[in-house]
Amino acid sequence: MSPDAELQDLGVPPLLAANFVIFKELGTMVVKQSVAGDLTGAFRDDAPPVPSVVAYAATYESGMPFQGPVTLLLKEFLPGSTRAGVTELQVC
């Protein structure tokens, strides 16, 4: 069963972009790249810091009765940092 189907079975509406309202950009984060093939956790010091993630304060409205808007942290993973986004999803 897909995650969307599981949420629908629980009565949770789908997450639609139209339900989110961004009201403030909080800043950017840099994700360091690890050295290829190094299993010790070493990071590349020669790589210039490039913004990888943009953080926003946003509200989410489900459209369900008796549920007001919820303030949340919304992250945009920029190209080149998708692996960091996937890792974050796996941890949650």
PDB file of N, CA and C in Angstrom:
ATOM      1  N   MET A   1       0.853  -1.176   0.000  1.00  0.00           N
ATOM      2  CA  MET A   1       0.000   0.000   0.000  1.00  0.00           C
ATOM      3  C   MET A   1       0.899   1.240   0.000  1.00  0.00           C
ATOM      4  N   SER A   2       0.564   2.213  -0.823  1.00  0.00           N
ATOM      5  CA  SER A   2       1.373   3.433  -0.920  1.00  0.00           C
ATOM      6  C   SER A   2       1.134   4.311   0.311  1.00  0.00           C
ATOM      7  N   PRO A   3       2.118   5.190   0.626  1.00  0.00           N
ATOM      8  CA  PRO A   3       1.923   6.098   1.774  1.00  0.00           C
ATOM      9  C   PRO A   3       0.691   6.982   1.615  1.00  0.00           C
ATOM     10  N   ASP A   4       0.402   7.432   0.375  1.00  0.00           N
ATOM     11  CA  ASP A   4      -0.790   8.266   0.161  1.00  0.00           C
ATOM     12  C   ASP A   4      -2.065   7.498   0.472  1.00  0.00           C
ATOM     13  N   ALA A   5      -2.110   6.223   0.071  1.00  0.00           N
ATOM     14  CA  ALA A   5      -3.288   5.400   0.336  1.00  0.00           C
ATOM     15  C   ALA A   5      -3.456   5.167   1.829  1.00  0.00           C
ATOM     16  N   GLU A   6      -2.341   4.970   2.538  1.00  0.00           N
ATOM     17  CA  GLU A   6      -2.407   4.765   3.991  1.00  0.00           C
ATOM     18  C   GLU A   6      -2.958   6.010   4.673  1.00  0.00           C
ATOM     19  N   LEU A   7      -2.513   7.198   4.228  1.00  0.00           N
ATOM     20  CA  LEU A   7      -3.009   8.437   4.824  1.00  0.00           C
ATOM     21  C   LEU A   7      -4.498   8.622   4.538  1.00  0.00           C
ATOM     22  N   GLN A   8      -4.926   8.282   3.336  1.00  0.00           N
ATOM     23  CA  GLN A   8      -6.343   8.408   3.004  1.00  0.00           C
ATOM     24  C   GLN A   8      -7.191   7.467   3.840  1.00  0.00           C
ATOM     25  N   ASP A   9      -6.676   6.263   4.127  1.00  0.00           N
ATOM     26  CA  ASP A   9      -7.407   5.330   4.982  1.00  0.00           C
ATOM     27  C   ASP A   9      -7.587   5.888   6.388  1.00  0.00           C
ATOM     28  N   LEU A  10      -6.650   6.720   6.826  1.00  0.00           N
ATOM     29  CA  LEU A  10      -6.739   7.324   8.154  1.00  0.00           C
ATOM     30  C   LEU A  10      -7.561   8.605   8.160  1.00  0.00           C
ATOM     31  N   GLY A  11      -8.045   9.012   6.981  1.00  0.00           N
ATOM     32  CA  GLY A  11      -8.832  10.229   6.893  1.00  0.00           C
ATOM     33  C   GLY A  11      -8.000  11.488   6.776  1.00  0.00           C
ATOM     34  N   VAL A  12      -6.710  11.344   6.468  1.00  0.00           N
ATOM     35  CA  VAL A  12      -5.829  12.498   6.322  1.00  0.00           C
ATOM     36  C   VAL A  12      -5.884  12.955   4.864  1.00  0.00           C
ATOM     37  N   PRO A  13      -6.159  14.234   4.622  1.00  0.00           N
ATOM     38  CA  PRO A  13      -6.217  14.705   3.243  1.00  0.00           C
ATOM     39  C   PRO A  13      -4.824  14.726   2.612  1.00  0.00           C
ATOM     40  N   PRO A  14      -4.736  14.647   1.293  1.00  0.00           N
ATOM     41  CA  PRO A  14      -3.424  14.670   0.637  1.00  0.00           C
ATOM     42  C   PRO A  14      -2.744  16.020   0.830  1.00  0.00           C
ATOM     43  N   LEU A  15      -1.413  16.013   0.837  1.00  0.00           N
ATOM     44  CA  LEU A  15      -0.655  17.258   0.955  1.00  0.00           C
ATOM     45  C   LEU A  15      -0.568  17.902  -0.422  1.00  0.00           C
ATOM     46  N   LEU A  16      -1.205  19.046  -0.562  1.00  0.00           N
ATOM     47  CA  LEU A  16      -1.208  19.769  -1.822  1.00  0.00           C
ATOM     48  C   LEU A  16      -0.438  21.072  -1.658  1.00  0.00           C
ATOM     49  N   ALA A  17       0.298  21.462  -2.684  1.00  0.00           N
ATOM     50  CA  ALA A  17       1.066  22.702  -2.618  1.00  0.00           C
ATOM     51  C   ALA A  17       0.170  23.902  -2.348  1.00  0.00           C
ATOM     52  N   ALA A  18      -1.057  23.854  -2.830  1.00  0.00           N
ATOM     53  CA  ALA A  18      -1.991  24.967  -2.632  1.00  0.00           C
ATOM     54  C   ALA A  18      -2.376  25.148  -1.161  1.00  0.00           C
ATOM     55  N   ASN A  19      -2.152  24.143  -0.327  1.00  0.00           N
ATOM     56  CA  ASN A  19      -2.511  24.230   1.095  1.00  0.00           C
ATOM     57  C   ASN A  19      -1.431  24.902   1.939  1.00  0.00           C
ATOM     58  N   PHE A  20      -0.247  25.164   1.340  1.00  0.00           N
ATOM     59  CA  PHE A  20       0.860  25.780   2.061  1.00  0.00           C
ATOM     60  C   PHE A  20       0.970  27.246   1.679  1.00  0.00           C
ATOM     61  N   VAL A  21       1.213  28.096   2.665  1.00  0.00           N
ATOM     62  CA  VAL A  21       1.446  29.519   2.425  1.00  0.00           C
ATOM     63  C   VAL A  21       2.762  29.887   3.105  1.00  0.00           C
ATOM     64  N   ILE A  22       3.747  30.265   2.299  1.00  0.00           N
ATOM     65  CA  ILE A  22       5.043  30.684   2.833  1.00  0.00           C
ATOM     66  C   ILE A  22       4.929  32.146   3.227  1.00  0.00           C
ATOM     67  N   PHE A  23       5.323  32.455   4.468  1.00  0.00           N
ATOM     68  CA  PHE A  23       5.236  33.851   4.883  1.00  0.00           C
ATOM     69  C   PHE A  23       6.577  34.453   5.247  1.00  0.00           C
ATOM     70  N   LYS A  24       7.657  33.642   5.314  1.00  0.00           N
ATOM     71  CA  LYS A  24       8.964  34.211   5.627  1.00  0.00           C
ATOM     72  C   LYS A  24      10.060  33.242   5.228  1.00  0.00           C
ATOM     73  N   GLU A  25      11.094  33.755   4.548  1.00  0.00           N
ATOM     74  CA  GLU A  25      12.285  32.944   4.290  1.00  0.00           C
ATOM     75  C   GLU A  25      13.187  33.079   5.505  1.00  0.00           C
ATOM     76  N   LEU A  26      13.546  31.949   6.100  1.00  0.00           N
ATOM     77  CA  LEU A  26      14.342  31.964   7.324  1.00  0.00           C
ATOM     78  C   LEU A  26      15.836  31.988   7.046  1.00  0.00           C
ATOM     79  N   GLY A  27      16.258  31.424   5.934  1.00  0.00           N
ATOM     80  CA  GLY A  27      17.680  31.422   5.609  1.00  0.00           C
ATOM     81  C   GLY A  27      18.056  30.191   4.811  1.00  0.00           C
ATOM     82  N   THR A  28      19.349  30.058   4.601  1.00  0.00           N
ATOM     83  CA  THR A  28      19.859  28.919   3.842  1.00  0.00           C
ATOM     84  C   THR A  28      20.790  28.093   4.707  1.00  0.00           C
ATOM     85  N   MET A  29      20.918  26.834   4.352  1.00  0.00           N
ATOM     86  CA  MET A  29      21.831  25.923   5.043  1.00  0.00           C
ATOM     87  C   MET A  29      22.765  25.308   4.006  1.00  0.00           C
ATOM     88  N   VAL A  30      23.952  24.968   4.450  1.00  0.00           N
ATOM     89  CA  VAL A  30      24.941  24.336   3.583  1.00  0.00           C
ATOM     90  C   VAL A  30      25.116  22.894   4.029  1.00  0.00           C
ATOM     91  N   VAL A  31      25.079  21.980   3.088  1.00  0.00           N
ATOM     92  CA  VAL A  31      25.319  20.571   3.371  1.00  0.00           C
ATOM     93  C   VAL A  31      26.708  20.252   2.832  1.00  0.00           C
ATOM     94  N   LYS A  32      27.620  19.838   3.718  1.00  0.00           N
ATOM     95  CA  LYS A  32      28.976  19.512   3.279  1.00  0.00           C
ATOM     96  C   LYS A  32      28.977  18.180   2.560  1.00  0.00           C
ATOM     97  N   GLN A  33      29.853  18.074   1.574  1.00  0.00           N
ATOM     98  CA  GLN A  33      29.997  16.832   0.824  1.00  0.00           C
ATOM     99  C   GLN A  33      31.076  15.982   1.463  1.00  0.00           C
ATOM    100  N   SER A  34      30.814  14.686   1.554  1.00  0.00           N
ATOM    101  CA  SER A  34      31.831  13.786   2.090  1.00  0.00           C
ATOM    102  C   SER A  34      32.818  13.432   0.997  1.00  0.00           C
ATOM    103  N   VAL A  35      34.005  13.030   1.410  1.00  0.00           N
ATOM    104  CA  VAL A  35      35.039  12.626   0.466  1.00  0.00           C
ATOM    105  C   VAL A  35      34.642  11.282  -0.117  1.00  0.00           C
ATOM    106  N   ALA A  36      34.645  11.192  -1.440  1.00  0.00           N
ATOM    107  CA  ALA A  36      34.227   9.952  -2.111  1.00  0.00           C
ATOM    108  C   ALA A  36      35.102   8.783  -1.672  1.00  0.00           C
ATOM    109  N   GLY A  37      34.463   7.720  -1.272  1.00  0.00           N
ATOM    110  CA  GLY A  37      35.166   6.497  -0.893  1.00  0.00           C
ATOM    111  C   GLY A  37      35.721   6.485   0.517  1.00  0.00           C
ATOM    112  N   ASP A  38      35.619   7.586   1.249  1.00  0.00           N
ATOM    113  CA  ASP A  38      36.141   7.647   2.614  1.00  0.00           C
ATOM    114  C   ASP A  38      35.042   7.246   3.587  1.00  0.00           C
ATOM    115  N   LEU A  39      35.265   6.193   4.342  1.00  0.00           N
ATOM    116  CA  LEU A  39      34.255   5.699   5.282  1.00  0.00           C
ATOM    117  C   LEU A  39      34.429   6.258   6.688  1.00  0.00           C
ATOM    118  N   THR A  40      35.410   7.170   6.878  1.00  0.00           N
ATOM    119  CA  THR A  40      35.664   7.710   8.217  1.00  0.00           C
ATOM    120  C   THR A  40      34.819   8.938   8.522  1.00  0.00           C
ATOM    121  N   GLY A  41      34.063   9.413   7.538  1.00  0.00           N
ATOM    122  CA  GLY A  41      33.231  10.589   7.764  1.00  0.00           C
ATOM    123  C   GLY A  41      33.933  11.889   7.450  1.00  0.00           C
ATOM    124  N   ALA A  42      35.051  11.825   6.689  1.00  0.00           N
ATOM    125  CA  ALA A  42      35.779  13.041   6.338  1.00  0.00           C
ATOM    126  C   ALA A  42      34.978  13.872   5.341  1.00  0.00           C
ATOM    127  N   PHE A  43      35.104  15.188   5.466  1.00  0.00           N
ATOM    128  CA  PHE A  43      34.415  16.098   4.566  1.00  0.00           C
ATOM    129  C   PHE A  43      35.424  16.863   3.724  1.00  0.00           C
ATOM    130  N   ARG A  44      34.975  17.301   2.567  1.00  0.00           N
ATOM    131  CA  ARG A  44      35.836  18.055   1.662  1.00  0.00           C
ATOM    132  C   ARG A  44      35.981  19.478   2.180  1.00  0.00           C
ATOM    133  N   ASP A  45      37.207  19.894   2.468  1.00  0.00           N
ATOM    134  CA  ASP A  45      37.461  21.257   2.929  1.00  0.00           C
ATOM    135  C   ASP A  45      37.686  22.211   1.759  1.00  0.00           C
ATOM    136  N   ASP A  46      38.011  21.663   0.586  1.00  0.00           N
ATOM    137  CA  ASP A  46      38.309  22.513  -0.563  1.00  0.00           C
ATOM    138  C   ASP A  46      37.050  22.960  -1.302  1.00  0.00           C
ATOM    139  N   ALA A  47      35.930  22.366  -1.004  1.00  0.00           N
ATOM    140  CA  ALA A  47      34.681  22.726  -1.687  1.00  0.00           C
ATOM    141  C   ALA A  47      34.137  24.030  -1.108  1.00  0.00           C
ATOM    142  N   PRO A  48      33.805  24.996  -1.972  1.00  0.00           N
ATOM    143  CA  PRO A  48      33.245  26.249  -1.454  1.00  0.00           C
ATOM    144  C   PRO A  48      31.848  26.013  -0.885  1.00  0.00           C
ATOM    145  N   PRO A  49      31.481  26.768   0.151  1.00  0.00           N
ATOM    146  CA  PRO A  49      30.133  26.598   0.707  1.00  0.00           C
ATOM    147  C   PRO A  49      29.080  27.079  -0.289  1.00  0.00           C
ATOM    148  N   VAL A  50      28.192  26.183  -0.651  1.00  0.00           N
ATOM    149  CA  VAL A  50      27.115  26.495  -1.591  1.00  0.00           C
ATOM    150  C   VAL A  50      25.798  26.198  -0.882  1.00  0.00           C
ATOM    151  N   PRO A  51      24.869  27.164  -0.891  1.00  0.00           N
ATOM    152  CA  PRO A  51      23.583  26.886  -0.246  1.00  0.00           C
ATOM    153  C   PRO A  51      22.941  25.622  -0.823  1.00  0.00           C
ATOM    154  N   SER A  52      22.494  24.743   0.062  1.00  0.00           N
ATOM    155  CA  SER A  52      21.907  23.474  -0.359  1.00  0.00           C
ATOM    156  C   SER A  52      20.443  23.359   0.010  1.00  0.00           C
ATOM    157  N   VAL A  53      20.066  24.051   1.074  1.00  0.00           N
ATOM    158  CA  VAL A  53      18.693  23.965   1.575  1.00  0.00           C
ATOM    159  C   VAL A  53      18.219  25.377   1.924  1.00  0.00           C
ATOM    160  N   VAL A  54      17.019  25.705   1.508  1.00  0.00           N
ATOM    161  CA  VAL A  54      16.403  26.981   1.880  1.00  0.00           C
ATOM    162  C   VAL A  54      15.278  26.664   2.858  1.00  0.00           C
ATOM    163  N   ALA A  55      15.283  27.363   3.995  1.00  0.00           N
ATOM    164  CA  ALA A  55      14.271  27.127   5.023  1.00  0.00           C
ATOM    165  C   ALA A  55      13.260  28.276   5.024  1.00  0.00           C
ATOM    166  N   TYR A  56      11.991  27.911   5.146  1.00  0.00           N
ATOM    167  CA  TYR A  56      10.897  28.879   5.157  1.00  0.00           C
ATOM    168  C   TYR A  56       9.989  28.627   6.357  1.00  0.00           C
ATOM    169  N   ALA A  57       9.390  29.695   6.863  1.00  0.00           N
ATOM    170  CA  ALA A  57       8.287  29.570   7.813  1.00  0.00           C
ATOM    171  C   ALA A  57       7.021  29.598   6.970  1.00  0.00           C
ATOM    172  N   ALA A  58       6.142  28.666   7.207  1.00  0.00           N
ATOM    173  CA  ALA A  58       4.929  28.551   6.400  1.00  0.00           C
ATOM    174  C   ALA A  58       3.767  28.118   7.280  1.00  0.00           C
ATOM    175  N   THR A  59       2.579  28.234   6.714  1.00  0.00           N
ATOM    176  CA  THR A  59       1.392  27.691   7.368  1.00  0.00           C
ATOM    177  C   THR A  59       0.785  26.644   6.444  1.00  0.00           C
ATOM    178  N   TYR A  60       0.135  25.680   7.060  1.00  0.00           N
ATOM    179  CA  TYR A  60      -0.546  24.624   6.323  1.00  0.00           C
ATOM    180  C   TYR A  60      -1.995  24.593   6.769  1.00  0.00           C
ATOM    181  N   GLU A  61      -2.905  24.599   5.806  1.00  0.00           N
ATOM    182  CA  GLU A  61      -4.339  24.464   6.092  1.00  0.00           C
ATOM    183  C   GLU A  61      -4.850  23.233   5.373  1.00  0.00           C
ATOM    184  N   SER A  62      -5.366  22.286   6.137  1.00  0.00           N
ATOM    185  CA  SER A  62      -5.825  21.028   5.557  1.00  0.00           C
ATOM    186  C   SER A  62      -7.178  21.166   4.868  1.00  0.00           C
ATOM    187  N   GLY A  63      -7.940  22.186   5.250  1.00  0.00           N
ATOM    188  CA  GLY A  63      -9.284  22.319   4.698  1.00  0.00           C
ATOM    189  C   GLY A  63     -10.307  21.473   5.441  1.00  0.00           C
ATOM    190  N   MET A  64      -9.858  20.732   6.432  1.00  0.00           N
ATOM    191  CA  MET A  64     -10.760  19.901   7.229  1.00  0.00           C
ATOM    192  C   MET A  64     -11.470  20.777   8.261  1.00  0.00           C
ATOM    193  N   PRO A  65     -12.704  20.449   8.600  1.00  0.00           N
ATOM    194  CA  PRO A  65     -13.427  21.237   9.595  1.00  0.00           C
ATOM    195  C   PRO A  65     -12.755  21.147  10.970  1.00  0.00           C
ATOM    196  N   PHE A  66     -12.810  22.249  11.695  1.00  0.00           N
ATOM    197  CA  PHE A  66     -12.291  22.345  13.068  1.00  0.00           C
ATOM    198  C   PHE A  66     -10.772  22.211  13.145  1.00  0.00           C
ATOM    199  N   GLN A  67     -10.082  22.389  12.022  1.00  0.00           N
ATOM    200  CA  GLN A  67      -8.620  22.355  12.041  1.00  0.00           C
ATOM    201  C   GLN A  67      -8.108  23.676  11.478  1.00  0.00           C
ATOM    202  N   GLY A  68      -7.513  24.465  12.356  1.00  0.00           N
ATOM    203  CA  GLY A  68      -6.973  25.758  11.930  1.00  0.00           C
ATOM    204  C   GLY A  68      -5.625  25.589  11.258  1.00  0.00           C
ATOM    205  N   PRO A  69      -5.056  26.696  10.789  1.00  0.00           N
ATOM    206  CA  PRO A  69      -3.747  26.614  10.147  1.00  0.00           C
ATOM    207  C   PRO A  69      -2.660  26.230  11.148  1.00  0.00           C
ATOM    208  N   VAL A  70      -1.679  25.496  10.653  1.00  0.00           N
ATOM    209  CA  VAL A  70      -0.560  25.039  11.470  1.00  0.00           C
ATOM    210  C   VAL A  70       0.708  25.705  10.948  1.00  0.00           C
ATOM    211  N   THR A  71       1.487  26.323  11.838  1.00  0.00           N
ATOM    212  CA  THR A  71       2.763  26.918  11.444  1.00  0.00           C
ATOM    213  C   THR A  71       3.820  25.824  11.434  1.00  0.00           C
ATOM    214  N   LEU A  72       4.653  25.832  10.388  1.00  0.00           N
ATOM    215  CA  LEU A  72       5.659  24.772  10.254  1.00  0.00           C
ATOM    216  C   LEU A  72       6.897  25.269   9.551  1.00  0.00           C
ATOM    217  N   LEU A  73       7.942  24.454   9.600  1.00  0.00           N
ATOM    218  CA  LEU A  73       9.193  24.703   8.898  1.00  0.00           C
ATOM    219  C   LEU A  73       9.139  23.928   7.589  1.00  0.00           C
ATOM    220  N   LEU A  74       9.311  24.640   6.491  1.00  0.00           N
ATOM    221  CA  LEU A  74       9.276  24.028   5.168  1.00  0.00           C
ATOM    222  C   LEU A  74      10.672  24.152   4.570  1.00  0.00           C
ATOM    223  N   LYS A  75      11.214  23.049   4.069  1.00  0.00           N
ATOM    224  CA  LYS A  75      12.561  23.061   3.504  1.00  0.00           C
ATOM    225  C   LYS A  75      12.511  22.781   2.017  1.00  0.00           C
ATOM    226  N   GLU A  76      13.287  23.546   1.268  1.00  0.00           N
ATOM    227  CA  GLU A  76      13.444  23.333  -0.170  1.00  0.00           C
ATOM    228  C   GLU A  76      14.864  22.836  -0.404  1.00  0.00           C
ATOM    229  N   PHE A  77      14.994  21.604  -0.862  1.00  0.00           N
ATOM    230  CA  PHE A  77      16.309  21.039  -1.145  1.00  0.00           C
ATOM    231  C   PHE A  77      16.676  21.401  -2.581  1.00  0.00           C
ATOM    232  N   LEU A  78      17.737  22.178  -2.734  1.00  0.00           N
ATOM    233  CA  LEU A  78      18.164  22.646  -4.041  1.00  0.00           C
ATOM    234  C   LEU A  78      18.863  21.529  -4.816  1.00  0.00           C
ATOM    235  N   PRO A  79      18.967  21.677  -6.153  1.00  0.00           N
ATOM    236  CA  PRO A  79      19.648  20.649  -6.942  1.00  0.00           C
ATOM    237  C   PRO A  79      21.056  20.388  -6.380  1.00  0.00           C
ATOM    238  N   GLY A  80      21.432  19.150  -6.333  1.00  0.00           N
ATOM    239  CA  GLY A  80      22.723  18.774  -5.772  1.00  0.00           C
ATOM    240  C   GLY A  80      22.650  18.369  -4.308  1.00  0.00           C
ATOM    241  N   SER A  81      21.521  18.620  -3.662  1.00  0.00           N
ATOM    242  CA  SER A  81      21.392  18.241  -2.254  1.00  0.00           C
ATOM    243  C   SER A  81      20.240  17.261  -2.044  1.00  0.00           C
ATOM    244  N   THR A  82      19.813  16.631  -3.122  1.00  0.00           N
ATOM    245  CA  THR A  82      18.680  15.709  -2.997  1.00  0.00           C
ATOM    246  C   THR A  82      19.025  14.526  -2.102  1.00  0.00           C
ATOM    247  N   ARG A  83      20.289  14.123  -2.080  1.00  0.00           N
ATOM    248  CA  ARG A  83      20.675  13.004  -1.219  1.00  0.00           C
ATOM    249  C   ARG A  83      20.462  13.361   0.259  1.00  0.00           C
ATOM    250  N   ALA A  84      20.728  14.615   0.614  1.00  0.00           N
ATOM    251  CA  ALA A  84      20.487  15.057   1.988  1.00  0.00           C
ATOM    252  C   ALA A  84      19.007  15.017   2.319  1.00  0.00           C
ATOM    253  N   GLY A  85      18.165  15.398   1.344  1.00  0.00           N
ATOM    254  CA  GLY A  85      16.715  15.340   1.545  1.00  0.00           C
ATOM    255  C   GLY A  85      16.208  13.927   1.716  1.00  0.00           C
ATOM    256  N   VAL A  86      16.731  13.008   0.917  1.00  0.00           N
ATOM    257  CA  VAL A  86      16.339  11.613   1.014  1.00  0.00           C
ATOM    258  C   VAL A  86      16.755  11.048   2.363  1.00  0.00           C
ATOM    259  N   THR A  87      17.965  11.385   2.798  1.00  0.00           N
ATOM    260  CA  THR A  87      18.442  10.911   4.113  1.00  0.00           C
ATOM    261  C   THR A  87      17.552  11.446   5.233  1.00  0.00           C
ATOM    262  N   GLU A  88      17.147  12.701   5.122  1.00  0.00           N
ATOM    263  CA  GLU A  88      16.277  13.273   6.156  1.00  0.00           C
ATOM    264  C   GLU A  88      14.929  12.565   6.188  1.00  0.00           C
ATOM    265  N   LEU A  89      14.398  12.222   5.034  1.00  0.00           N
ATOM    266  CA  LEU A  89      13.131  11.480   4.992  1.00  0.00           C
ATOM    267  C   LEU A  89      13.268  10.105   5.620  1.00  0.00           C
ATOM    268  N   GLN A  90      14.392   9.453   5.411  1.00  0.00           N
ATOM    269  CA  GLN A  90      14.594   8.115   5.968  1.00  0.00           C
ATOM    270  C   GLN A  90      14.720   8.144   7.469  1.00  0.00           C
ATOM    271  N   VAL A  91      15.237   9.244   8.022  1.00  0.00           N
ATOM    272  CA  VAL A  91      15.415   9.358   9.474  1.00  0.00           C
ATOM    273  C   VAL A  91      14.082   9.613  10.160  1.00  0.00           C
ATOM    274  N   CYS A  92      13.201  10.361   9.513  1.00  0.00           N
ATOM    275  CA  CYS A  92      11.899  10.720  10.122  1.00  0.00           C
ATOM    276  C   CYS A  92      10.997   9.566  10.210  1.00  0.00           C
TER     277      CYS A  92
END
